[in-house]
Amino acid sequence: MKTFTVEEAKQNLDAVLEYAENGGTAIIIDEDEKAYQLVATIVPKKGPRRPGSAKGKIIITDEFYEPLPELKPYME
């Protein structure tokens, strides 16, 4: 783990990113003593959407279509 000031990180951004990419954790500290942690991760690519992929996973019963008890006075 290495710490950098914001100015150091701006001037050496390529080095900071390379450090994180190689498994390191870069901590960037600003003037207000707030710290930001930079860690490289791999974001998995999402494939194309498949229409109908949720078919059969959601079941709507007949009870769903019944009027709500709170609304009965308005329906009479």
Protein backbone atom coordinates (compact mmCIF):
# COMPACT_ATOMS: atom_id res chain seq x y z
CA MET A 1 0.00 0.00 0.00
CA LYS A 2 1.34 3.40 -1.00
CA THR A 3 -0.01 6.83 -0.18
CA PHE A 4 0.01 9.78 -2.54
CA THR A 5 -1.12 13.36 -2.27
CA VAL A 6 -3.57 14.58 -4.89
CA GLU A 7 -0.82 16.56 -6.60
CA GLU A 8 1.51 13.54 -6.69
CA ALA A 9 -1.28 11.39 -8.08
CA LYS A 10 -2.07 13.97 -10.78
CA GLN A 11 1.55 14.29 -11.83
CA ASN A 12 2.22 10.53 -11.80
CA LEU A 13 -1.18 9.14 -12.76
CA ASP A 14 0.28 6.48 -15.04
CA ALA A 15 2.54 5.20 -12.26
CA VAL A 16 -0.30 5.19 -9.71
CA LEU A 17 -2.57 3.27 -12.09
CA GLU A 18 0.20 0.79 -12.92
CA TYR A 19 0.84 0.25 -9.20
CA ALA A 20 -2.85 -0.52 -8.63
CA GLU A 21 -2.99 -2.72 -11.73
CA ASN A 22 -0.11 -4.83 -10.39
CA GLY A 23 -2.08 -5.64 -7.22
CA GLY A 24 -1.18 -2.67 -5.04
CA THR A 25 -3.55 -0.39 -3.17
CA ALA A 26 -3.03 3.31 -3.75
CA ILE A 27 -4.31 5.73 -1.11
CA ILE A 28 -4.76 9.29 -2.33
CA ILE A 29 -5.03 11.94 0.38
CA ASP A 30 -6.34 15.44 -0.33
CA GLU A 31 -5.75 18.71 1.49
CA ASP A 32 -8.74 18.14 3.82
CA GLU A 33 -7.23 14.81 4.97
CA LYS A 34 -9.89 12.85 3.08
CA ALA A 35 -8.52 9.57 1.78
CA TYR A 36 -9.48 7.76 -1.41
CA GLN A 37 -8.57 4.15 -2.06
CA LEU A 38 -7.67 3.07 -5.59
CA VAL A 39 -7.74 -0.66 -6.30
CA ALA A 40 -7.79 -2.28 -9.74
CA THR A 41 -10.70 -4.64 -10.38
CA ILE A 42 -11.94 -6.56 -13.36
CA VAL A 43 -15.43 -5.65 -14.48
CA PRO A 44 -17.04 -8.62 -16.19
CA LYS A 45 -18.46 -7.93 -19.61
CA LYS A 46 -22.17 -8.37 -19.89
CA GLY A 47 -23.43 -10.29 -22.84
CA PRO A 48 -26.32 -9.17 -24.97
CA ARG A 49 -29.76 -9.19 -23.40
CA ARG A 50 -31.81 -12.26 -24.13
CA PRO A 51 -35.54 -11.65 -24.46
CA GLY A 52 -37.54 -14.10 -22.37
CA SER A 53 -34.67 -15.08 -20.07
CA ALA A 54 -36.87 -14.54 -16.97
CA LYS A 55 -39.74 -16.62 -18.32
CA GLY A 56 -41.07 -18.94 -15.63
CA LYS A 57 -39.22 -17.18 -12.81
CA ILE A 58 -42.07 -14.80 -11.94
CA ILE A 59 -45.48 -16.16 -11.08
CA ILE A 60 -48.49 -13.85 -10.83
CA THR A 61 -51.43 -15.45 -9.03
CA ASP A 62 -55.10 -14.52 -9.49
CA GLU A 63 -54.95 -12.77 -6.12
CA PHE A 64 -52.85 -10.07 -7.77
CA TYR A 65 -55.86 -8.92 -9.79
CA GLU A 66 -58.19 -8.70 -6.78
CA PRO A 67 -59.03 -5.14 -5.68
CA LEU A 68 -57.19 -3.86 -2.64
CA PRO A 69 -59.29 -3.78 0.55
CA GLU A 70 -58.36 -0.11 1.05
CA LEU A 71 -59.98 0.80 -2.27
CA LYS A 72 -63.31 -1.09 -1.81
CA PRO A 73 -65.22 2.04 -0.65
CA TYR A 74 -64.28 3.82 -3.86
CA MET A 75 -65.43 0.93 -6.03
CA GLU A 76 -68.97 0.69 -4.64
